[in-house]
C-alpha atoms as a PDB file:
ATOM      1  CA  UNK A   1       0.024   0.021   0.021  1.00  0.00           C
ATOM      2  CA  UNK A   2       1.398   3.441  -0.964  1.00  0.00           C
ATOM      3  CA  UNK A   3       1.712   5.881   1.978  1.00  0.00           C
ATOM      4  CA  UNK A   4      -0.494   8.911   1.777  1.00  0.00           C
ATOM      5  CA  UNK A   5       1.078  12.183   0.894  1.00  0.00           C
ATOM      6  CA  UNK A   6       0.283  14.822   3.459  1.00  0.00           C
ATOM      7  CA  UNK A   7       1.554  18.264   4.419  1.00  0.00           C
ATOM      8  CA  UNK A   8       3.483  16.559   7.233  1.00  0.00           C
ATOM      9  CA  UNK A   9       6.415  16.159   4.892  1.00  0.00           C
ATOM     10  CA  UNK A  10       6.456  19.808   3.931  1.00  0.00           C
ATOM     11  CA  UNK A  11       8.300  22.538   5.839  1.00  0.00           C
ATOM     12  CA  UNK A  12       6.328  25.241   7.628  1.00  0.00           C
ATOM     13  CA  UNK A  13       7.617  27.724   5.061  1.00  0.00           C
ATOM     14  CA  UNK A  14       6.448  25.565   2.199  1.00  0.00           C
ATOM     15  CA  UNK A  15       3.009  25.208   3.701  1.00  0.00           C
ATOM     16  CA  UNK A  16       2.754  28.957   4.281  1.00  0.00           C
ATOM     17  CA  UNK A  17       3.642  29.570   0.641  1.00  0.00           C
ATOM     18  CA  UNK A  18       1.050  27.070  -0.491  1.00  0.00           C
ATOM     19  CA  UNK A  19      -1.684  28.735   1.719  1.00  0.00           C
ATOM     20  CA  UNK A  20      -0.641  32.223   0.464  1.00  0.00           C
ATOM     21  CA  UNK A  21      -0.686  31.018  -3.174  1.00  0.00           C
ATOM     22  CA  UNK A  22      -4.163  29.690  -2.721  1.00  0.00           C
ATOM     23  CA  UNK A  23      -5.382  32.804  -0.943  1.00  0.00           C
ATOM     24  CA  UNK A  24      -3.924  34.977  -3.710  1.00  0.00           C
ATOM     25  CA  UNK A  25      -6.034  33.166  -6.276  1.00  0.00           C
ATOM     26  CA  UNK A  26      -9.105  33.075  -4.090  1.00  0.00           C
ATOM     27  CA  UNK A  27      -8.949  36.772  -3.385  1.00  0.00           C
ATOM     28  CA  UNK A  28      -7.912  37.484  -7.055  1.00  0.00           C
ATOM     29  CA  UNK A  29      -5.049  39.684  -5.684  1.00  0.00           C
ATOM     30  CA  UNK A  30      -1.861  38.783  -7.418  1.00  0.00           C
ATOM     31  CA  UNK A  31       0.362  41.505  -5.830  1.00  0.00           C
ATOM     32  CA  UNK A  32       1.858  38.929  -3.361  1.00  0.00           C
ATOM     33  CA  UNK A  33       3.101  36.696  -6.158  1.00  0.00           C
ATOM     34  CA  UNK A  34       6.528  38.296  -6.417  1.00  0.00           C
ATOM     35  CA  UNK A  35       7.140  37.765  -2.697  1.00  0.00           C
ATOM     36  CA  UNK A  36       6.423  34.003  -2.992  1.00  0.00           C
ATOM     37  CA  UNK A  37       8.909  33.482  -5.889  1.00  0.00           C
ATOM     38  CA  UNK A  38      12.608  32.812  -5.773  1.00  0.00           C
ATOM     39  CA  UNK A  39      14.536  35.630  -7.561  1.00  0.00           C
ATOM     40  CA  UNK A  40      15.488  33.106 -10.269  1.00  0.00           C
ATOM     41  CA  UNK A  41      12.057  31.426 -10.478  1.00  0.00           C
ATOM     42  CA  UNK A  42      11.231  29.757 -13.794  1.00  0.00           C
ATOM     43  CA  UNK A  43       7.820  29.400 -15.528  1.00  0.00           C
ATOM     44  CA  UNK A  44       6.966  26.518 -17.864  1.00  0.00           C
ATOM     45  CA  UNK A  45       4.021  27.875 -19.797  1.00  0.00           C
ATOM     46  CA  UNK A  46       1.426  25.738 -21.599  1.00  0.00           C
ATOM     47  CA  UNK A  47       1.804  28.110 -24.553  1.00  0.00           C
ATOM     48  CA  UNK A  48       5.515  28.038 -25.293  1.00  0.00           C
ATOM     49  CA  UNK A  49       8.445  25.741 -25.040  1.00  0.00           C
ATOM     50  CA  UNK A  50      10.738  28.574 -23.895  1.00  0.00           C
ATOM     51  CA  UNK A  51      11.145  28.934 -20.179  1.00  0.00           C
ATOM     52  CA  UNK A  52      10.517  32.380 -18.623  1.00  0.00           C
ATOM     53  CA  UNK A  53      13.092  33.228 -15.940  1.00  0.00           C
ATOM     54  CA  UNK A  54      12.988  35.794 -13.156  1.00  0.00           C
ATOM     55  CA  UNK A  55      10.741  36.823 -10.251  1.00  0.00           C
ATOM     56  CA  UNK A  56       9.298  39.876 -11.838  1.00  0.00           C
ATOM     57  CA  UNK A  57       8.639  38.354 -15.253  1.00  0.00           C
ATOM     58  CA  UNK A  58       7.012  35.315 -13.744  1.00  0.00           C
ATOM     59  CA  UNK A  59       4.914  37.369 -11.380  1.00  0.00           C
ATOM     60  CA  UNK A  60       3.791  39.648 -14.278  1.00  0.00           C
ATOM     61  CA  UNK A  61       2.739  36.749 -16.424  1.00  0.00           C
ATOM     62  CA  UNK A  62       0.912  35.088 -13.544  1.00  0.00           C
ATOM     63  CA  UNK A  63      -1.066  38.253 -12.850  1.00  0.00           C
ATOM     64  CA  UNK A  64      -2.010  38.571 -16.467  1.00  0.00           C
ATOM     65  CA  UNK A  65      -3.011  34.906 -16.795  1.00  0.00           C
ATOM     66  CA  UNK A  66      -5.036  34.802 -13.557  1.00  0.00           C
ATOM     67  CA  UNK A  67      -6.758  38.000 -14.741  1.00  0.00           C
ATOM     68  CA  UNK A  68      -8.084  36.249 -17.781  1.00  0.00           C
ATOM     69  CA  UNK A  69     -10.252  33.958 -15.702  1.00  0.00           C
ATOM     70  CA  UNK A  70     -13.773  35.071 -14.811  1.00  0.00           C
ATOM     71  CA  UNK A  71     -13.892  32.253 -12.294  1.00  0.00           C
ATOM     72  CA  UNK A  72     -10.912  30.331 -10.788  1.00  0.00           C
ATOM     73  CA  UNK A  73     -10.592  27.954  -7.911  1.00  0.00           C
ATOM     74  CA  UNK A  74      -8.061  25.502  -6.647  1.00  0.00           C
ATOM     75  CA  UNK A  75      -8.883  22.044  -5.481  1.00  0.00           C
ATOM     76  CA  UNK A  76      -7.181  19.922  -2.753  1.00  0.00           C
ATOM     77  CA  UNK A  77      -3.400  20.422  -2.809  1.00  0.00           C
ATOM     78  CA  UNK A  78      -1.187  17.367  -3.364  1.00  0.00           C
ATOM     79  CA  UNK A  79       2.293  17.277  -1.866  1.00  0.00           C
ATOM     80  CA  UNK A  80       5.226  15.178  -3.029  1.00  0.00           C
ATOM     81  CA  UNK A  81       6.618  12.805  -0.480  1.00  0.00           C
ATOM     82  CA  UNK A  82       9.614  14.924   0.255  1.00  0.00           C
ATOM     83  CA  UNK A  83       7.440  18.038   0.526  1.00  0.00           C
ATOM     84  CA  UNK A  84       9.235  20.159  -2.081  1.00  0.00           C
ATOM     85  CA  UNK A  85       6.679  19.898  -4.844  1.00  0.00           C
ATOM     86  CA  UNK A  86       3.115  20.868  -4.740  1.00  0.00           C
ATOM     87  CA  UNK A  87       0.365  20.078  -7.284  1.00  0.00           C
ATOM     88  CA  UNK A  88      -2.598  22.490  -7.211  1.00  0.00           C
ATOM     89  CA  UNK A  89      -5.485  21.262  -9.421  1.00  0.00           C
ATOM     90  CA  UNK A  90      -7.720  24.022 -10.621  1.00  0.00           C
ATOM     91  CA  UNK A  91     -10.972  24.732 -12.439  1.00  0.00           C
ATOM     92  CA  UNK A  92     -12.010  27.985 -13.955  1.00  0.00           C
ATOM     93  CA  UNK A  93     -13.800  29.856 -16.757  1.00  0.00           C
ATOM     94  CA  UNK A  94     -11.804  31.592 -19.394  1.00  0.00           C
ATOM     95  CA  UNK A  95     -13.894  33.377 -21.919  1.00  0.00           C
ATOM     96  CA  UNK A  96     -16.508  30.900 -23.171  1.00  0.00           C
ATOM     97  CA  UNK A  97     -14.369  27.886 -22.049  1.00  0.00           C
ATOM     98  CA  UNK A  98     -14.392  25.851 -18.860  1.00  0.00           C
ATOM     99  CA  UNK A  99     -10.789  25.136 -17.993  1.00  0.00           C
ATOM    100  CA  UNK A 100      -9.153  22.500 -15.879  1.00  0.00           C
ATOM    101  CA  UNK A 101      -5.521  22.096 -15.143  1.00  0.00           C
ATOM    102  CA  UNK A 102      -2.773  21.736 -12.520  1.00  0.00           C
ATOM    103  CA  UNK A 103      -0.073  24.193 -11.327  1.00  0.00           C
ATOM    104  CA  UNK A 104       3.017  22.276 -10.306  1.00  0.00           C
ATOM    105  CA  UNK A 105       5.148  24.260  -7.890  1.00  0.00           C
ATOM    106  CA  UNK A 106       8.666  23.320  -6.855  1.00  0.00           C
ATOM    107  CA  UNK A 107       9.749  25.024  -3.564  1.00  0.00           C
ATOM    108  CA  UNK A 108      13.180  25.622  -2.089  1.00  0.00           C
ATOM    109  CA  UNK A 109      14.163  25.067   1.577  1.00  0.00           C
ATOM    110  CA  UNK A 110      12.848  28.582   2.394  1.00  0.00           C
ATOM    111  CA  UNK A 111       9.422  27.895   0.914  1.00  0.00           C
ATOM    112  CA  UNK A 112       9.935  30.028  -2.200  1.00  0.00           C
ATOM    113  CA  UNK A 113       8.659  28.913  -5.563  1.00  0.00           C
ATOM    114  CA  UNK A 114      11.677  28.070  -7.701  1.00  0.00           C
ATOM    115  CA  UNK A 115       9.686  26.572 -10.627  1.00  0.00           C
ATOM    116  CA  UNK A 116       6.114  26.661 -11.791  1.00  0.00           C
ATOM    117  CA  UNK A 117       4.802  24.388 -14.530  1.00  0.00           C
ATOM    118  CA  UNK A 118       1.281  24.932 -15.727  1.00  0.00           C
ATOM    119  CA  UNK A 119      -0.733  22.143 -17.312  1.00  0.00           C
ATOM    120  CA  UNK A 120      -4.056  23.341 -18.957  1.00  0.00           C
ATOM    121  CA  UNK A 121      -6.843  21.656 -20.802  1.00  0.00           C
ATOM    122  CA  UNK A 122      -8.819  21.307 -23.032  1.00  0.00           C
ATOM    123  CA  UNK A 123      -7.124  22.473 -26.184  1.00  0.00           C
ATOM    124  CA  UNK A 124      -9.852  25.133 -26.818  1.00  0.00           C
ATOM    125  CA  UNK A 125      -8.824  26.873 -23.666  1.00  0.00           C
ATOM    126  CA  UNK A 126      -5.138  26.787 -24.566  1.00  0.00           C
ATOM    127  CA  UNK A 127      -6.052  28.226 -28.048  1.00  0.00           C
ATOM    128  CA  UNK A 128      -8.168  30.885 -26.457  1.00  0.00           C
ATOM    129  CA  UNK A 129      -5.471  31.834 -24.002  1.00  0.00           C
ATOM    130  CA  UNK A 130      -2.816  32.043 -26.806  1.00  0.00           C
ATOM    131  CA  UNK A 131      -5.087  34.322 -28.807  1.00  0.00           C
ATOM    132  CA  UNK A 132      -5.626  36.645 -25.763  1.00  0.00           C
ATOM    133  CA  UNK A 133      -1.987  36.772 -25.019  1.00  0.00           C
ATOM    134  CA  UNK A 134      -1.135  37.577 -28.681  1.00  0.00           C
ATOM    135  CA  UNK A 135      -3.586  40.463 -28.565  1.00  0.00           C
ATOM    136  CA  UNK A 136      -1.864  41.924 -25.518  1.00  0.00           C
ATOM    137  CA  UNK A 137       1.631  41.819 -27.021  1.00  0.00           C
ATOM    138  CA  UNK A 138       2.847  44.857 -28.814  1.00  0.00           C
ATOM    139  CA  UNK A 139       3.062  44.609 -32.613  1.00  0.00           C
END
């Protein structure tokens, strides 16, 4: 039988980051994002194979992306056995599309997010998001 994964394996700092991350999304206030990120945080986007690097860039993209949802909520967090990775399943509404996905956060020993990988489905949502991001980019 596989042991259950609980927050018992995560540090207090990691748990505090996870709670702050979820509160940020619930309150739709993304200002705290930068404080939760490591200065060299990386973002693996569902839209591009290139990795985005740096606290300010990642925080800016997160604020923009979260802002595109008219409804967004996280489900029950899932911790890795060693407590350094956190999977946050989510559901939301982006434009006319119902979205589902997972944010996979990797945390350092101080509880800061060092990497964020976003998995998003269905394809219609990813296409819609890509179109919205393209519209926001300068020509």
